[in-house]
Protein backbone atom coordinates (compact mmCIF):
# COMPACT_ATOMS: atom_id res chain seq x y z
CA UNK A 1 0.00 0.00 0.00
CA UNK A 2 1.14 3.57 -0.71
CA UNK A 3 1.04 4.46 2.97
CA UNK A 4 3.83 2.03 4.01
CA UNK A 5 6.58 3.77 5.98
CA UNK A 6 4.53 6.95 6.39
CA UNK A 7 2.53 8.43 9.26
CA UNK A 8 -1.21 7.85 8.67
CA UNK A 9 -3.80 10.41 9.74
CA UNK A 10 -7.15 8.78 10.56
CA UNK A 11 -10.18 8.87 12.83
CA UNK A 12 -10.15 7.24 16.30
CA UNK A 13 -12.31 7.21 19.41
CA UNK A 14 -10.12 8.68 22.16
CA UNK A 15 -10.86 8.45 25.87
CA UNK A 16 -9.30 11.53 27.43
CA UNK A 17 -10.32 10.63 31.00
CA UNK A 18 -12.49 8.29 33.09
CA UNK A 19 -16.28 8.46 33.00
CA UNK A 20 -16.37 10.63 29.89
CA UNK A 21 -17.80 9.73 26.45
CA UNK A 22 -15.52 8.86 23.54
CA UNK A 23 -14.29 11.77 21.46
CA UNK A 24 -13.91 11.09 17.71
CA UNK A 25 -10.58 12.71 16.86
CA UNK A 26 -8.09 12.85 14.03
CA UNK A 27 -4.98 11.02 15.21
CA UNK A 28 -1.58 10.24 13.74
CA UNK A 29 -0.50 6.59 13.59
CA UNK A 30 3.24 6.04 13.21
CA UNK A 31 4.64 3.31 10.93
CA UNK A 32 5.38 -0.06 12.55
CA UNK A 33 8.85 -0.57 14.03
CA UNK A 34 10.74 -3.89 13.92
CA UNK A 35 8.53 -6.91 14.66
CA UNK A 36 5.39 -4.73 14.51
CA UNK A 37 2.36 -4.72 12.21
CA UNK A 38 0.11 -1.81 11.18
CA UNK A 39 -3.50 -2.82 10.55
CA UNK A 40 -6.52 -1.16 8.96
CA UNK A 41 -9.50 -2.08 11.16
CA UNK A 42 -12.59 -3.35 9.31
CA UNK A 43 -14.94 -4.12 12.22
CA UNK A 44 -14.74 -4.06 16.03
CA UNK A 45 -17.04 -5.33 18.77
CA UNK A 46 -18.01 -3.46 21.93
CA UNK A 47 -17.09 -5.59 24.96
CA UNK A 48 -17.77 -4.97 28.65
CA UNK A 49 -14.00 -5.01 29.24
CA UNK A 50 -13.69 -1.76 27.26
CA UNK A 51 -16.26 -0.24 29.61
CA UNK A 52 -14.14 -1.30 32.61
CA UNK A 53 -11.57 1.29 31.48
CA UNK A 54 -14.21 4.02 31.24
CA UNK A 55 -15.51 3.20 34.74
CA UNK A 56 -12.08 2.73 36.31
CA UNK A 57 -12.57 -0.97 37.11
CA UNK A 58 -9.48 -1.66 34.96
CA UNK A 59 -6.20 0.17 35.35
CA UNK A 60 -5.32 2.35 32.37
CA UNK A 61 -3.31 5.43 31.51
CA UNK A 62 -5.03 8.32 29.74
CA UNK A 63 -5.55 9.42 27.04
CA UNK A 64 -6.12 5.95 25.61
CA UNK A 65 -7.65 4.19 22.61
CA UNK A 66 -9.49 1.11 23.86
CA UNK A 67 -11.14 -1.71 21.88
CA UNK A 68 -9.76 -5.23 21.60
CA UNK A 69 -12.25 -7.38 19.63
CA UNK A 70 -11.74 -6.79 15.92
CA UNK A 71 -10.96 -7.90 12.40
CA UNK A 72 -8.61 -5.99 10.11
CA UNK A 73 -6.26 -6.17 7.14
CA UNK A 74 -2.48 -5.71 7.30
CA UNK A 75 -1.48 -2.33 5.83
CA UNK A 76 2.29 -2.61 6.38
CA UNK A 77 4.84 -4.55 8.42
CA UNK A 78 8.04 -3.67 10.23
CA UNK A 79 11.45 -5.24 9.79
CA UNK A 80 11.65 -8.92 10.74
CA UNK A 81 7.92 -9.72 10.58
CA UNK A 82 7.48 -13.18 9.02
CA UNK A 83 4.00 -14.48 9.95
CA UNK A 84 1.85 -11.90 8.11
CA UNK A 85 2.20 -9.69 5.02
CA UNK A 86 0.36 -6.61 3.67
CA UNK A 87 -3.14 -7.53 2.48
CA UNK A 88 -3.60 -10.44 4.94
CA UNK A 89 -6.88 -10.53 6.86
CA UNK A 90 -6.12 -10.73 10.59
CA UNK A 91 -7.58 -10.68 14.10
CA UNK A 92 -5.75 -8.57 16.72
CA UNK A 93 -5.00 -10.52 19.90
CA UNK A 94 -5.35 -8.90 23.35
CA UNK A 95 -3.67 -12.09 24.63
CA UNK A 96 -0.40 -12.36 22.68
CA UNK A 97 1.45 -15.58 21.93
CA UNK A 98 5.22 -15.02 21.76
CA UNK A 99 5.83 -18.81 21.60
CA UNK A 100 8.96 -18.36 23.73
CA UNK A 101 7.90 -17.76 27.38
CA UNK A 102 7.15 -20.67 29.72
CA UNK A 103 3.36 -20.13 29.51
CA UNK A 104 3.50 -20.28 25.70
CA UNK A 105 5.77 -23.34 25.70
CA UNK A 106 3.63 -25.27 28.20
CA UNK A 107 0.85 -27.21 26.39
CA UNK A 108 -1.66 -26.12 29.06
CA UNK A 109 -0.56 -22.48 29.25
CA UNK A 110 -1.80 -19.43 27.33
CA UNK A 111 -1.13 -16.34 29.50
CA UNK A 112 1.84 -15.03 27.52
CA UNK A 113 4.37 -12.91 29.39
CA UNK A 114 3.78 -10.12 26.84
CA UNK A 115 0.15 -9.66 27.93
CA UNK A 116 -0.62 -6.11 29.09
CA UNK A 117 -3.01 -6.76 31.95
CA UNK A 118 -1.45 -4.08 34.16
CA UNK A 119 -2.27 -1.13 31.89
CA UNK A 120 1.25 -0.25 30.68
CA UNK A 121 -0.34 1.22 27.57
CA UNK A 122 2.74 0.95 25.34
CA UNK A 123 4.18 -1.52 22.85
CA UNK A 124 7.18 -3.79 23.52
CA UNK A 125 9.75 -0.99 23.14
CA UNK A 126 8.01 1.11 25.79
CA UNK A 127 6.56 3.74 23.45
CA UNK A 128 3.22 4.44 21.75
CA UNK A 129 2.43 4.77 18.02
CA UNK A 130 -0.54 7.14 18.50
CA UNK A 131 -0.49 10.95 18.67
CA UNK A 132 -3.49 13.28 19.04
CA UNK A 133 -3.39 17.10 19.37
CA UNK A 134 0.36 16.80 19.82
CA UNK A 135 0.03 14.40 22.78
CA UNK A 136 0.98 10.71 22.90
CA UNK A 137 -2.07 8.44 23.26
CA UNK A 138 -1.79 5.09 25.06
CA UNK A 139 -2.49 1.63 23.68
CA UNK A 140 -4.90 -0.81 25.37
CA UNK A 141 -4.18 -4.52 25.89
CA UNK A 142 -1.75 -4.56 22.95
CA UNK A 143 -4.62 -3.95 20.51
CA UNK A 144 -6.47 -0.56 20.52
CA UNK A 145 -9.12 -1.28 17.88
CA UNK A 146 -11.41 1.77 18.24
CA UNK A 147 -9.46 3.47 15.45
CA UNK A 148 -9.21 3.22 11.66
CA UNK A 149 -5.55 2.14 11.95
CA UNK A 150 -3.62 0.56 14.80
CA UNK A 151 -0.13 -0.87 15.40
CA UNK A 152 0.49 -4.16 17.20
CA UNK A 153 3.41 -6.42 18.03
CA UNK A 154 3.61 -9.38 15.65
CA UNK A 155 2.90 -11.70 18.60
CA UNK A 156 -0.55 -10.04 18.89
CA UNK A 157 -1.70 -10.76 15.31
CA UNK A 158 -3.34 -13.93 13.92
CA UNK A 159 -3.73 -14.41 10.17
CA UNK A 160 -7.19 -15.76 9.23
CA UNK A 161 -8.90 -16.96 6.06
CA UNK A 162 -9.63 -14.21 3.54
CA UNK A 163 -13.24 -15.36 3.15
CA UNK A 164 -14.12 -14.67 6.81
CA UNK A 165 -16.76 -11.89 7.20
CA UNK A 166 -15.07 -9.21 9.37
CA UNK A 167 -18.23 -7.99 11.13
CA UNK A 168 -18.84 -11.52 12.45
CA UNK A 169 -15.45 -13.12 13.13
CA UNK A 170 -14.33 -10.06 15.13
CA UNK A 171 -16.16 -11.77 18.05
CA UNK A 172 -13.56 -14.55 17.90
CA UNK A 173 -11.06 -11.91 19.08
CA UNK A 174 -12.62 -11.95 22.58
CA UNK A 175 -16.22 -12.62 23.60
CA UNK A 176 -17.10 -15.78 21.70
CA UNK A 177 -13.72 -17.49 22.15
CA UNK A 178 -13.63 -16.70 25.88
CA UNK A 179 -17.03 -18.26 26.59
CA UNK A 180 -16.89 -21.15 24.14
CA UNK A 181 -13.37 -22.10 25.26
CA UNK A 182 -14.33 -21.93 28.95
CA UNK A 183 -16.68 -24.85 28.28
CA UNK A 184 -14.82 -26.96 25.72
CA UNK A 185 -11.19 -26.25 26.66
CA UNK A 186 -10.95 -25.10 30.30
CA UNK A 187 -13.79 -27.10 31.91
CA UNK A 188 -13.70 -29.86 29.27
CA UNK A 189 -17.47 -30.38 29.57
CA UNK A 190 -18.40 -34.02 29.01
CA UNK A 191 -21.35 -35.51 27.06
CA UNK A 192 -24.49 -36.00 29.17
CA UNK A 193 -23.37 -33.61 31.90
CA UNK A 194 -25.32 -30.90 33.72
CA UNK A 195 -24.00 -27.32 33.43
CA UNK A 196 -25.00 -24.04 35.08
CA UNK A 197 -24.08 -20.66 33.56
CA UNK A 198 -24.27 -17.52 35.75
CA UNK A 199 -24.61 -14.43 33.52
CA UNK A 200 -26.30 -14.46 30.12
CA UNK A 201 -24.49 -11.70 28.25
CA UNK A 202 -22.48 -12.35 25.09
CA UNK A 203 -19.79 -14.40 26.86
CA UNK A 204 -22.33 -16.35 28.92
CA UNK A 205 -24.28 -17.24 25.77
CA UNK A 206 -20.99 -18.39 24.22
CA UNK A 207 -20.43 -20.65 27.26
CA UNK A 208 -23.88 -22.16 26.62
CA UNK A 209 -22.93 -22.73 22.96
CA UNK A 210 -19.77 -24.49 24.13
CA UNK A 211 -21.64 -26.69 26.63
CA UNK A 212 -24.12 -27.65 23.92
CA UNK A 213 -21.33 -28.39 21.45
CA UNK A 214 -19.65 -30.63 24.06
CA UNK A 215 -22.85 -32.64 24.46
CA UNK A 216 -24.15 -31.45 27.84
CA UNK A 217 -27.67 -32.80 28.40
CA UNK A 218 -28.85 -30.06 30.77
CA UNK A 219 -27.77 -26.40 30.61
CA UNK A 220 -29.29 -24.01 33.15
CA UNK A 221 -28.93 -20.28 32.55
CA UNK A 222 -28.99 -17.89 35.51
CA UNK A 223 -29.54 -14.13 35.26
CA UNK A 224 -31.40 -11.40 37.14
CA UNK A 225 -32.69 -10.07 33.81
CA UNK A 226 -35.40 -12.40 32.50
CA UNK A 227 -35.35 -10.62 29.13
CA UNK A 228 -32.19 -12.60 28.41
CA UNK A 229 -33.86 -16.02 28.84
CA UNK A 230 -35.31 -16.26 25.32
CA UNK A 231 -31.91 -15.76 23.67
CA UNK A 232 -30.26 -18.21 26.10
CA UNK A 233 -32.82 -20.88 25.22
CA UNK A 234 -32.28 -20.17 21.51
CA UNK A 235 -28.53 -20.90 21.74
CA UNK A 236 -28.89 -24.08 23.80
CA UNK A 237 -30.01 -23.53 27.42
CA UNK A 238 -32.56 -26.13 28.51
CA UNK A 239 -34.01 -23.88 31.24
CA UNK A 240 -33.41 -20.49 32.86
CA UNK A 241 -33.74 -19.14 36.37
CA UNK A 242 -33.65 -15.74 38.11
CA UNK A 243 -32.22 -15.65 41.65
CA UNK A 244 -34.90 -12.99 42.37
CA UNK A 245 -37.51 -15.78 42.21
CA UNK A 246 -35.69 -18.02 44.71
CA UNK A 247 -36.41 -18.09 48.43
CA UNK A 248 -33.31 -20.23 49.15
CA UNK A 249 -29.64 -19.81 48.23
CA UNK A 250 -29.22 -20.48 44.52
CA UNK A 251 -26.90 -23.44 45.19
CA UNK A 252 -29.62 -25.21 47.17
CA UNK A 253 -32.21 -24.47 44.50
CA UNK A 254 -29.98 -25.92 41.78
CA UNK A 255 -29.20 -28.99 43.88
CA UNK A 256 -32.92 -29.68 44.32
CA UNK A 257 -33.66 -29.01 40.63
CA UNK A 258 -30.99 -31.40 39.40
CA UNK A 259 -30.98 -34.06 42.10
CA UNK A 260 -27.54 -32.80 43.15
CA UNK A 261 -25.88 -33.56 39.81
CA UNK A 262 -24.33 -30.26 38.60
CA UNK A 263 -21.02 -31.21 36.98
CA UNK A 264 -19.91 -27.78 35.78
CA UNK A 265 -20.70 -24.19 36.76
CA UNK A 266 -19.47 -21.00 35.09
CA UNK A 267 -19.34 -17.49 36.58
CA UNK A 268 -19.57 -15.01 33.71
CA UNK A 269 -20.57 -11.89 35.67
CA UNK A 270 -17.38 -10.80 37.40
CA UNK A 271 -18.95 -10.42 40.87
CA UNK A 272 -17.25 -11.90 43.93
CA UNK A 273 -20.52 -13.10 45.50
CA UNK A 274 -21.55 -14.82 42.28
CA UNK A 275 -18.19 -16.59 42.08
CA UNK A 276 -18.83 -18.20 45.47
CA UNK A 277 -22.43 -19.02 44.49
CA UNK A 278 -21.20 -20.71 41.32
CA UNK A 279 -18.63 -22.72 43.26
CA UNK A 280 -21.26 -23.81 45.80
CA UNK A 281 -23.63 -24.78 42.97
CA UNK A 282 -21.52 -27.55 41.45
CA UNK A 283 -21.30 -31.01 43.04
CA UNK A 284 -19.42 -30.88 46.35
CA UNK A 285 -17.14 -33.78 45.40
CA UNK A 286 -16.67 -33.96 41.64
CA UNK A 287 -17.95 -30.56 40.43
CA UNK A 288 -15.83 -28.05 38.52
CA UNK A 289 -16.48 -24.30 38.64
CA UNK A 290 -14.82 -21.91 36.19
CA UNK A 291 -14.32 -18.16 36.79
CA UNK A 292 -14.83 -16.55 33.36
CA UNK A 293 -15.97 -13.01 34.25
CA UNK A 294 -13.16 -10.52 34.92
CA UNK A 295 -13.04 -9.88 38.69
CA UNK A 296 -13.02 -6.29 39.97
CA UNK A 297 -9.50 -5.00 40.62
CA UNK A 298 -8.27 -4.47 44.19
CA UNK A 299 -10.96 -6.69 45.72
CA UNK A 300 -10.37 -9.78 47.88
CA UNK A 301 -12.57 -12.85 48.02
CA UNK A 302 -13.59 -14.69 51.20
CA UNK A 303 -15.22 -18.11 51.11
CA UNK A 304 -15.65 -21.25 53.19
CA UNK A 305 -12.67 -23.56 52.41
CA UNK A 306 -14.97 -26.54 53.02
CA UNK A 307 -16.34 -25.80 49.54
CA UNK A 308 -13.00 -27.00 48.15
CA UNK A 309 -12.01 -29.53 50.79
CA UNK A 310 -14.78 -31.90 49.75
CA UNK A 311 -13.29 -32.26 46.27
CA UNK A 312 -14.56 -29.47 44.02
CA UNK A 313 -12.25 -27.97 41.41
CA UNK A 314 -12.12 -24.17 41.04
CA UNK A 315 -10.49 -22.87 37.88
CA UNK A 316 -9.78 -19.57 36.21
CA UNK A 317 -9.90 -18.99 32.50
CA UNK A 318 -8.30 -16.32 30.30
CA UNK A 319 -9.44 -16.13 26.67
CA UNK A 320 -11.09 -19.53 26.97
CA UNK A 321 -7.75 -21.26 27.49
CA UNK A 322 -6.88 -20.88 23.80
CA UNK A 323 -3.33 -20.27 22.56
CA UNK A 324 -4.20 -17.17 20.58
CA UNK A 325 -2.06 -17.26 17.43
CA UNK A 326 -2.46 -21.04 17.09
CA UNK A 327 -6.16 -21.38 17.87
CA UNK A 328 -7.88 -18.22 16.56
CA UNK A 329 -7.33 -19.17 12.89
CA UNK A 330 -8.77 -22.65 13.62
CA UNK A 331 -11.85 -21.12 15.27
CA UNK A 332 -12.40 -18.93 12.19
CA UNK A 333 -12.15 -22.05 9.99
CA UNK A 334 -14.69 -23.80 12.25
CA UNK A 335 -17.03 -20.80 11.88
CA UNK A 336 -16.74 -20.92 8.09
CA UNK A 337 -17.53 -24.66 8.30
CA UNK A 338 -20.72 -23.70 10.22
CA UNK A 339 -19.69 -25.48 13.42
CA UNK A 340 -21.18 -22.55 15.38
CA UNK A 341 -23.30 -19.51 14.58
CA UNK A 342 -22.10 -16.04 15.58
CA UNK A 343 -25.19 -14.30 14.19
CA UNK A 344 -27.06 -15.24 17.37
CA UNK A 345 -24.71 -13.06 19.42
CA UNK A 346 -24.77 -9.90 17.25
CA UNK A 347 -27.78 -7.70 18.01
CA UNK A 348 -26.63 -4.38 16.51
CA UNK A 349 -24.29 -3.23 13.73
CA UNK A 350 -23.47 0.51 13.73
CA UNK A 351 -21.06 2.80 11.88
CA UNK A 352 -17.92 3.56 13.90
CA UNK A 353 -18.94 7.21 14.43
CA UNK A 354 -21.88 5.97 16.54
CA UNK A 355 -19.62 4.34 19.13
CA UNK A 356 -21.21 6.26 22.04
CA UNK A 357 -24.64 4.98 20.97
CA UNK A 358 -23.19 1.45 20.98
CA UNK A 359 -22.13 1.87 24.61
CA UNK A 360 -25.57 3.22 25.52
CA UNK A 361 -27.04 -0.01 24.10
CA UNK A 362 -24.63 -1.97 26.32
CA UNK A 363 -25.61 -0.02 29.46
CA UNK A 364 -29.34 -0.35 28.79
CA UNK A 365 -29.09 -4.14 28.40
CA UNK A 366 -30.56 -3.96 24.89
CA UNK A 367 -27.49 -5.38 23.14
CA UNK A 368 -25.60 -8.63 23.40
CA UNK A 369 -22.88 -7.57 20.95
CA UNK A 370 -22.80 -4.34 19.03
CA UNK A 371 -20.34 -4.39 16.13
CA UNK A 372 -18.91 -1.14 14.75
CA UNK A 373 -17.97 -1.07 11.06
CA UNK A 374 -15.58 1.29 9.29
Foldseek 3Di string as FASTA:
>chain_A
DVCAQHKDWWWFFKDAAAQDGTDTATKIFGHDAAQKFKWFFFKFWDDVVQVCRNHVLADADPGAQDTFQTKTFTCQHHPPQDQDGGGFIKAFALQFQPCPDPQNVDPQHARDPLWDRRHLQDAPVSAARMDGPRHGHGYDSQGRRRIRMGMGRNRRIAGADPPFDTLQLSCLNFQLQLQLLLQCPVLVAAAQAAEEEEDQFSNSLSVQLNNVLRHHPAYEYEDQDCVSFVLSVVSHHPYYDYCVPDPDQPLVVLCVVVVQGHAEYEYAPQEQVVQQSRLSNHRQARHEYEYRHNHGPPDDHDDDCSSPVNHYHYYYTHSSSDNPNVCSNVVSVCVVVVVDDRVSQFDEEEASVCVSVQVVCVVVVNHRMYMHGD
